[in-house]
């Protein structure tokens, strides 16, 4: 499981011109799931990201976590994080999980975040989405559950 985390001042996701998820301060998370990802992978990422100290304190040092600043999460399913571009010019997505497994793991991931008392907004799984955000910093961090 891979997560691209962007610290955001504001963000929204829309489907067919309608906003389906929106936050004002926190993380935009692009989540990719592969075939062998488990609930343990989701738990590892969630524990990492809710305590990741990448918000500035009063001394302008990255010392505060999402929980410390009462941040929210906009979570977007993103199978393209598992693109293989080693051959040719068109990426293949064979490492991305099949939709049923990916959706199950995506929902579980979001539930685990909510269990940490963090509000989660989402896009729509499997839909074409437009994501808008103001990346604060910019700060972008990549987490991979295989790093545990």
N, C-alpha and C. Protein backbone atom coordinates (compact mmCIF):
# COMPACT_ATOMS: atom_id res chain seq x y z
N UNK A 1 0.86 -1.16 0.00
CA UNK A 1 0.00 0.00 0.00
C UNK A 1 0.91 1.23 0.00
N UNK A 2 0.59 2.15 -0.88
CA UNK A 2 1.36 3.39 -0.98
C UNK A 2 0.43 4.57 -0.75
N UNK A 3 0.98 5.58 -0.05
CA UNK A 3 0.21 6.80 0.18
C UNK A 3 1.07 8.00 -0.13
N UNK A 4 0.56 8.88 -0.96
CA UNK A 4 1.18 10.18 -1.20
C UNK A 4 0.38 11.16 -0.35
N UNK A 5 1.08 11.81 0.58
CA UNK A 5 0.44 12.70 1.54
C UNK A 5 0.85 14.13 1.22
N UNK A 6 -0.12 14.99 1.01
CA UNK A 6 0.14 16.39 0.72
C UNK A 6 -0.51 17.23 1.82
N UNK A 7 0.31 18.06 2.45
CA UNK A 7 -0.21 18.97 3.47
C UNK A 7 -0.95 20.08 2.76
N UNK A 8 -2.21 20.28 3.12
CA UNK A 8 -3.06 21.19 2.34
C UNK A 8 -3.75 22.21 3.24
N UNK A 9 -3.84 23.44 2.72
CA UNK A 9 -4.65 24.48 3.36
C UNK A 9 -6.13 24.25 3.07
N UNK A 10 -6.40 23.76 1.88
CA UNK A 10 -7.77 23.46 1.48
C UNK A 10 -7.72 22.49 0.31
N UNK A 11 -8.80 21.72 0.17
CA UNK A 11 -8.85 20.76 -0.93
C UNK A 11 -10.28 20.30 -1.15
N UNK A 12 -10.54 19.92 -2.39
CA UNK A 12 -11.85 19.34 -2.71
C UNK A 12 -11.68 18.35 -3.85
N UNK A 13 -12.65 17.45 -3.94
CA UNK A 13 -12.69 16.49 -5.03
C UNK A 13 -14.09 16.53 -5.61
N UNK A 14 -14.16 16.54 -6.94
CA UNK A 14 -15.46 16.57 -7.60
C UNK A 14 -15.56 15.45 -8.62
N UNK A 15 -16.80 15.01 -8.82
CA UNK A 15 -17.13 13.99 -9.81
C UNK A 15 -18.25 14.58 -10.66
N UNK A 16 -18.03 14.62 -11.96
CA UNK A 16 -19.01 15.18 -12.90
C UNK A 16 -19.47 16.57 -12.48
N UNK A 17 -18.50 17.38 -12.04
CA UNK A 17 -18.77 18.78 -11.69
C UNK A 17 -19.37 19.01 -10.32
N UNK A 18 -19.62 17.94 -9.56
CA UNK A 18 -20.22 18.07 -8.23
C UNK A 18 -19.17 17.74 -7.17
N UNK A 19 -18.98 18.64 -6.19
CA UNK A 19 -18.04 18.39 -5.11
C UNK A 19 -18.60 17.27 -4.23
N UNK A 20 -17.77 16.21 -4.04
CA UNK A 20 -18.20 15.07 -3.24
C UNK A 20 -17.42 14.96 -1.93
N UNK A 21 -16.32 15.70 -1.82
CA UNK A 21 -15.51 15.72 -0.61
C UNK A 21 -14.72 17.01 -0.55
N UNK A 22 -14.55 17.54 0.69
CA UNK A 22 -13.89 18.83 0.83
C UNK A 22 -13.35 18.96 2.25
N UNK A 23 -12.12 19.50 2.37
CA UNK A 23 -11.55 19.81 3.68
C UNK A 23 -10.95 21.20 3.65
N UNK A 24 -10.75 21.77 4.85
CA UNK A 24 -10.16 23.10 4.91
C UNK A 24 -8.73 23.11 5.44
N UNK A 25 -8.28 22.05 6.11
CA UNK A 25 -6.92 22.02 6.64
C UNK A 25 -6.56 20.59 7.00
N UNK A 26 -5.46 20.10 6.45
CA UNK A 26 -5.04 18.75 6.79
C UNK A 26 -4.26 18.10 5.68
N UNK A 27 -4.61 16.85 5.38
CA UNK A 27 -3.90 16.06 4.38
C UNK A 27 -4.81 15.69 3.22
N UNK A 28 -4.24 15.77 2.02
CA UNK A 28 -4.83 15.09 0.87
C UNK A 28 -3.99 13.83 0.72
N UNK A 29 -4.67 12.68 0.72
CA UNK A 29 -3.97 11.41 0.63
C UNK A 29 -4.41 10.70 -0.64
N UNK A 30 -3.43 10.39 -1.49
CA UNK A 30 -3.66 9.54 -2.66
C UNK A 30 -3.21 8.15 -2.24
N UNK A 31 -4.13 7.17 -2.25
CA UNK A 31 -3.84 5.84 -1.74
C UNK A 31 -3.88 4.81 -2.86
N UNK A 32 -2.78 4.07 -2.99
CA UNK A 32 -2.70 2.98 -3.95
C UNK A 32 -2.63 1.65 -3.22
N UNK A 33 -3.38 0.67 -3.73
CA UNK A 33 -3.44 -0.66 -3.13
C UNK A 33 -2.94 -1.67 -4.15
N UNK A 34 -2.14 -2.62 -3.68
CA UNK A 34 -1.67 -3.70 -4.53
C UNK A 34 -2.29 -5.02 -4.05
N UNK A 35 -2.06 -6.10 -4.81
CA UNK A 35 -2.73 -7.39 -4.60
C UNK A 35 -2.58 -7.96 -3.19
N UNK A 36 -1.38 -7.87 -2.64
CA UNK A 36 -1.13 -8.55 -1.37
C UNK A 36 -1.24 -7.63 -0.15
N UNK A 37 -1.80 -6.45 -0.31
CA UNK A 37 -1.98 -5.56 0.84
C UNK A 37 -3.03 -6.13 1.78
N UNK A 38 -2.78 -5.95 3.08
CA UNK A 38 -3.65 -6.48 4.11
C UNK A 38 -4.11 -5.36 5.05
N UNK A 39 -4.95 -5.73 5.99
CA UNK A 39 -5.38 -4.77 7.00
C UNK A 39 -4.19 -4.28 7.82
N UNK A 40 -3.17 -5.10 7.99
CA UNK A 40 -1.96 -4.68 8.70
C UNK A 40 -1.24 -3.56 7.95
N UNK A 41 -1.23 -3.62 6.62
CA UNK A 41 -0.63 -2.55 5.83
C UNK A 41 -1.37 -1.24 6.06
N UNK A 42 -2.70 -1.32 6.06
CA UNK A 42 -3.50 -0.11 6.30
C UNK A 42 -3.24 0.45 7.68
N UNK A 43 -3.19 -0.41 8.68
CA UNK A 43 -2.95 0.03 10.06
C UNK A 43 -1.58 0.70 10.18
N UNK A 44 -0.58 0.11 9.56
CA UNK A 44 0.77 0.70 9.58
C UNK A 44 0.74 2.12 9.02
N UNK A 45 0.13 2.30 7.83
CA UNK A 45 0.09 3.62 7.20
C UNK A 45 -0.69 4.62 8.04
N UNK A 46 -1.82 4.21 8.57
CA UNK A 46 -2.65 5.13 9.35
C UNK A 46 -1.90 5.57 10.61
N UNK A 47 -1.29 4.63 11.32
CA UNK A 47 -0.52 5.01 12.52
C UNK A 47 0.62 5.96 12.18
N UNK A 48 1.23 5.74 11.05
CA UNK A 48 2.32 6.62 10.60
C UNK A 48 1.78 8.01 10.28
N UNK A 49 0.75 8.07 9.47
CA UNK A 49 0.32 9.38 8.94
C UNK A 49 -0.37 10.26 9.97
N UNK A 50 -1.15 9.71 10.89
CA UNK A 50 -1.82 10.58 11.85
C UNK A 50 -0.85 11.17 12.87
N UNK A 51 0.32 10.54 13.01
CA UNK A 51 1.32 11.04 13.97
C UNK A 51 2.52 11.68 13.29
N UNK A 52 2.51 11.73 11.96
CA UNK A 52 3.61 12.33 11.20
C UNK A 52 3.70 13.82 11.50
N UNK A 53 4.84 14.26 11.99
CA UNK A 53 4.99 15.64 12.44
C UNK A 53 5.47 16.52 11.29
N UNK A 54 4.51 17.00 10.49
CA UNK A 54 4.88 17.84 9.35
C UNK A 54 4.10 19.16 9.31
N UNK A 55 3.45 19.49 10.42
CA UNK A 55 2.83 20.81 10.55
C UNK A 55 3.72 21.67 11.44
N UNK A 56 3.77 22.96 11.14
CA UNK A 56 4.67 23.85 11.87
C UNK A 56 4.12 24.23 13.23
N UNK A 57 5.05 24.32 14.20
CA UNK A 57 4.70 24.80 15.53
C UNK A 57 4.91 26.32 15.60
N UNK A 58 4.84 26.88 16.80
CA UNK A 58 4.98 28.34 16.95
C UNK A 58 6.36 28.86 16.56
N UNK A 59 7.34 27.96 16.47
CA UNK A 59 8.69 28.34 16.05
C UNK A 59 8.96 28.04 14.58
N UNK A 60 7.89 27.76 13.83
CA UNK A 60 7.96 27.45 12.41
C UNK A 60 8.78 26.21 12.10
N UNK A 61 8.79 25.26 13.04
CA UNK A 61 9.46 23.97 12.85
C UNK A 61 8.39 22.91 12.64
N UNK A 62 8.65 21.98 11.73
CA UNK A 62 7.72 20.88 11.51
C UNK A 62 7.78 19.98 12.74
N UNK A 63 6.82 20.18 13.64
CA UNK A 63 6.85 19.50 14.92
C UNK A 63 5.47 19.02 15.37
N UNK A 64 4.43 19.30 14.59
CA UNK A 64 3.07 18.96 14.97
C UNK A 64 2.46 17.95 14.00
N UNK A 65 1.64 17.08 14.55
CA UNK A 65 0.99 16.04 13.73
C UNK A 65 -0.40 16.49 13.30
N UNK A 66 -1.00 15.68 12.45
CA UNK A 66 -2.37 15.90 12.00
C UNK A 66 -3.31 15.99 13.20
N UNK A 67 -3.11 15.10 14.16
CA UNK A 67 -3.94 15.10 15.37
C UNK A 67 -3.70 16.36 16.20
N UNK A 68 -2.45 16.80 16.29
CA UNK A 68 -2.12 18.00 17.08
C UNK A 68 -2.83 19.24 16.56
N UNK A 69 -3.01 19.32 15.23
CA UNK A 69 -3.61 20.52 14.63
C UNK A 69 -5.08 20.33 14.29
N UNK A 70 -5.67 19.22 14.74
CA UNK A 70 -7.07 18.90 14.44
C UNK A 70 -7.34 18.95 12.94
N UNK A 71 -6.41 18.40 12.17
CA UNK A 71 -6.54 18.38 10.72
C UNK A 71 -7.52 17.33 10.25
N UNK A 72 -7.92 17.48 9.01
CA UNK A 72 -8.85 16.54 8.37
C UNK A 72 -8.13 15.84 7.22
N UNK A 73 -8.76 14.84 6.66
CA UNK A 73 -8.18 14.08 5.56
C UNK A 73 -9.14 14.06 4.39
N UNK A 74 -8.60 14.33 3.21
CA UNK A 74 -9.32 14.07 1.95
C UNK A 74 -8.61 12.88 1.33
N UNK A 75 -9.28 11.74 1.29
CA UNK A 75 -8.69 10.48 0.85
C UNK A 75 -9.19 10.12 -0.54
N UNK A 76 -8.25 9.88 -1.44
CA UNK A 76 -8.56 9.57 -2.84
C UNK A 76 -7.90 8.25 -3.22
N UNK A 77 -8.68 7.31 -3.73
CA UNK A 77 -8.14 6.06 -4.23
C UNK A 77 -7.37 6.34 -5.53
N UNK A 78 -6.16 5.76 -5.66
CA UNK A 78 -5.28 6.13 -6.77
C UNK A 78 -4.50 4.91 -7.27
N UNK A 79 -5.12 4.09 -8.13
CA UNK A 79 -4.45 2.88 -8.60
C UNK A 79 -3.19 3.19 -9.40
N UNK A 80 -3.08 4.38 -9.97
CA UNK A 80 -1.93 4.71 -10.82
C UNK A 80 -0.63 4.81 -10.02
N UNK A 81 -0.69 4.79 -8.69
CA UNK A 81 0.53 4.78 -7.89
C UNK A 81 1.33 3.50 -8.11
N UNK A 82 0.67 2.48 -8.64
CA UNK A 82 1.36 1.23 -8.94
C UNK A 82 1.66 1.06 -10.43
N UNK A 83 1.78 2.17 -11.14
CA UNK A 83 2.14 2.13 -12.56
C UNK A 83 3.55 1.59 -12.74
N UNK A 84 3.72 0.73 -13.70
CA UNK A 84 5.04 0.21 -14.07
C UNK A 84 5.39 0.87 -15.40
N UNK A 85 6.44 1.68 -15.39
CA UNK A 85 6.85 2.42 -16.59
C UNK A 85 8.21 1.97 -17.11
N UNK A 86 8.67 0.79 -16.67
CA UNK A 86 10.00 0.33 -17.08
C UNK A 86 10.10 0.01 -18.56
N UNK A 87 9.02 -0.46 -19.17
CA UNK A 87 9.05 -0.83 -20.58
C UNK A 87 8.13 0.07 -21.37
N UNK A 88 8.59 0.49 -22.52
CA UNK A 88 7.75 1.27 -23.41
C UNK A 88 7.35 2.61 -22.86
N UNK A 89 6.30 3.15 -23.43
CA UNK A 89 5.85 4.49 -23.06
C UNK A 89 4.47 4.50 -22.43
N UNK A 90 3.80 3.37 -22.48
CA UNK A 90 2.48 3.28 -21.86
C UNK A 90 2.62 2.47 -20.57
N UNK A 91 2.25 3.06 -19.44
CA UNK A 91 2.39 2.32 -18.18
C UNK A 91 1.42 1.14 -18.11
N UNK A 92 1.85 0.09 -17.40
CA UNK A 92 0.90 -0.97 -17.11
C UNK A 92 0.57 -0.91 -15.62
N UNK A 93 -0.56 -1.44 -15.28
CA UNK A 93 -1.06 -1.34 -13.91
C UNK A 93 -1.31 -2.72 -13.32
N UNK A 94 -0.49 -3.70 -13.73
CA UNK A 94 -0.67 -5.07 -13.27
C UNK A 94 -0.44 -5.22 -11.77
N UNK A 95 0.33 -4.33 -11.17
CA UNK A 95 0.59 -4.40 -9.73
C UNK A 95 -0.53 -3.78 -8.90
N UNK A 96 -1.41 -3.03 -9.53
CA UNK A 96 -2.55 -2.46 -8.81
C UNK A 96 -3.55 -3.57 -8.48
N UNK A 97 -4.14 -3.48 -7.30
CA UNK A 97 -5.12 -4.49 -6.87
C UNK A 97 -6.36 -4.46 -7.75
N UNK A 98 -7.01 -5.60 -7.86
CA UNK A 98 -8.30 -5.67 -8.54
C UNK A 98 -9.29 -4.78 -7.77
N UNK A 99 -10.29 -4.24 -8.47
CA UNK A 99 -11.19 -3.27 -7.83
C UNK A 99 -11.85 -3.74 -6.52
N UNK A 100 -12.28 -5.00 -6.44
CA UNK A 100 -12.95 -5.44 -5.22
C UNK A 100 -12.02 -5.39 -4.01
N UNK A 101 -10.79 -5.86 -4.17
CA UNK A 101 -9.81 -5.82 -3.07
C UNK A 101 -9.40 -4.38 -2.77
N UNK A 102 -9.16 -3.60 -3.81
CA UNK A 102 -8.74 -2.20 -3.62
C UNK A 102 -9.80 -1.40 -2.88
N UNK A 103 -11.06 -1.57 -3.27
CA UNK A 103 -12.15 -0.83 -2.62
C UNK A 103 -12.27 -1.24 -1.15
N UNK A 104 -12.18 -2.53 -0.88
CA UNK A 104 -12.26 -3.03 0.50
C UNK A 104 -11.14 -2.42 1.35
N UNK A 105 -9.92 -2.43 0.82
CA UNK A 105 -8.78 -1.90 1.58
C UNK A 105 -8.86 -0.38 1.73
N UNK A 106 -9.32 0.30 0.71
CA UNK A 106 -9.51 1.76 0.76
C UNK A 106 -10.52 2.12 1.84
N UNK A 107 -11.63 1.42 1.88
CA UNK A 107 -12.66 1.69 2.91
C UNK A 107 -12.12 1.40 4.31
N UNK A 108 -11.37 0.31 4.44
CA UNK A 108 -10.79 -0.04 5.74
C UNK A 108 -9.79 1.03 6.19
N UNK A 109 -8.95 1.47 5.28
CA UNK A 109 -7.98 2.54 5.56
C UNK A 109 -8.69 3.78 6.08
N UNK A 110 -9.74 4.20 5.41
CA UNK A 110 -10.48 5.40 5.83
C UNK A 110 -11.15 5.20 7.19
N UNK A 111 -11.67 4.01 7.42
CA UNK A 111 -12.30 3.71 8.71
C UNK A 111 -11.27 3.80 9.83
N UNK A 112 -10.07 3.29 9.59
CA UNK A 112 -9.01 3.34 10.61
C UNK A 112 -8.64 4.79 10.94
N UNK A 113 -8.62 5.65 9.93
CA UNK A 113 -8.33 7.07 10.19
C UNK A 113 -9.43 7.66 11.06
N UNK A 114 -10.68 7.39 10.72
CA UNK A 114 -11.81 7.91 11.51
C UNK A 114 -11.77 7.41 12.95
N UNK A 115 -11.29 6.19 13.15
CA UNK A 115 -11.16 5.65 14.50
C UNK A 115 -10.11 6.39 15.31
N UNK A 116 -9.26 7.16 14.63
CA UNK A 116 -8.27 8.01 15.30
C UNK A 116 -8.84 9.40 15.59
N UNK A 117 -10.16 9.56 15.45
CA UNK A 117 -10.85 10.84 15.67
C UNK A 117 -10.40 11.91 14.68
N UNK A 118 -10.18 11.50 13.45
CA UNK A 118 -9.83 12.41 12.36
C UNK A 118 -10.95 12.32 11.33
N UNK A 119 -11.51 13.47 10.96
CA UNK A 119 -12.58 13.48 9.95
C UNK A 119 -12.01 13.13 8.59
N UNK A 120 -12.71 12.27 7.87
CA UNK A 120 -12.28 11.84 6.55
C UNK A 120 -13.36 12.17 5.53
N UNK A 121 -12.95 12.85 4.46
CA UNK A 121 -13.79 13.05 3.29
C UNK A 121 -13.18 12.21 2.18
N UNK A 122 -13.99 11.75 1.25
CA UNK A 122 -13.47 10.88 0.20
C UNK A 122 -13.98 11.30 -1.17
N UNK A 123 -13.29 10.77 -2.17
CA UNK A 123 -13.80 10.84 -3.53
C UNK A 123 -14.74 9.67 -3.73
N UNK A 124 -14.95 9.30 -4.99
CA UNK A 124 -15.78 8.13 -5.31
C UNK A 124 -14.89 7.09 -5.97
N UNK A 125 -14.82 5.94 -5.34
CA UNK A 125 -13.97 4.86 -5.82
C UNK A 125 -14.32 4.51 -7.26
N UNK A 126 -13.30 4.40 -8.10
CA UNK A 126 -13.48 3.96 -9.48
C UNK A 126 -14.01 5.01 -10.44
N UNK A 127 -14.22 6.21 -9.97
CA UNK A 127 -14.76 7.29 -10.82
C UNK A 127 -13.64 8.21 -11.28
N UNK A 128 -13.89 8.91 -12.38
CA UNK A 128 -12.99 9.97 -12.83
C UNK A 128 -13.24 11.16 -11.90
N UNK A 129 -12.17 11.62 -11.26
CA UNK A 129 -12.30 12.69 -10.28
C UNK A 129 -11.38 13.85 -10.63
N UNK A 130 -11.78 15.03 -10.22
CA UNK A 130 -10.94 16.22 -10.29
C UNK A 130 -10.64 16.64 -8.86
N UNK A 131 -9.35 16.73 -8.56
CA UNK A 131 -8.92 17.09 -7.21
C UNK A 131 -8.28 18.46 -7.27
N UNK A 132 -8.73 19.35 -6.40
CA UNK A 132 -8.12 20.68 -6.28
C UNK A 132 -7.56 20.80 -4.88
N UNK A 133 -6.35 21.39 -4.80
CA UNK A 133 -5.79 21.61 -3.48
C UNK A 133 -4.82 22.76 -3.50
N UNK A 134 -4.67 23.35 -2.34
CA UNK A 134 -3.61 24.31 -2.09
C UNK A 134 -2.63 23.57 -1.19
N UNK A 135 -1.51 23.13 -1.78
CA UNK A 135 -0.50 22.37 -1.05
C UNK A 135 0.30 23.36 -0.22
N UNK A 136 0.23 23.22 1.09
CA UNK A 136 0.89 24.15 2.00
C UNK A 136 2.36 23.77 2.13
N UNK A 137 3.23 24.67 1.76
CA UNK A 137 4.68 24.45 1.88
C UNK A 137 5.42 24.69 0.57
N UNK A 138 5.32 23.87 -0.40
CA UNK A 138 4.56 22.61 -0.45
C UNK A 138 5.26 21.50 0.33
N UNK A 139 4.47 20.67 0.95
CA UNK A 139 4.97 19.50 1.66
C UNK A 139 4.26 18.28 1.09
N UNK A 140 5.04 17.35 0.55
CA UNK A 140 4.52 16.10 0.01
C UNK A 140 5.42 14.97 0.49
N UNK A 141 4.81 13.96 1.10
CA UNK A 141 5.53 12.82 1.68
C UNK A 141 4.96 11.55 1.07
N UNK A 142 5.82 10.57 0.79
CA UNK A 142 5.37 9.28 0.28
C UNK A 142 5.63 8.22 1.35
N UNK A 143 4.58 7.48 1.69
CA UNK A 143 4.69 6.35 2.62
C UNK A 143 4.38 5.07 1.87
N UNK A 144 5.10 4.01 2.22
CA UNK A 144 4.88 2.69 1.63
C UNK A 144 4.83 1.68 2.76
N UNK A 145 3.76 0.92 2.83
CA UNK A 145 3.61 -0.05 3.92
C UNK A 145 4.68 -1.14 3.87
N UNK A 146 5.30 -1.33 2.72
CA UNK A 146 6.36 -2.34 2.62
C UNK A 146 7.63 -1.89 3.32
N UNK A 147 7.69 -0.63 3.77
CA UNK A 147 8.85 -0.11 4.49
C UNK A 147 8.83 -0.50 5.98
N UNK A 148 7.72 -1.11 6.43
CA UNK A 148 7.62 -1.42 7.87
C UNK A 148 8.60 -2.49 8.29
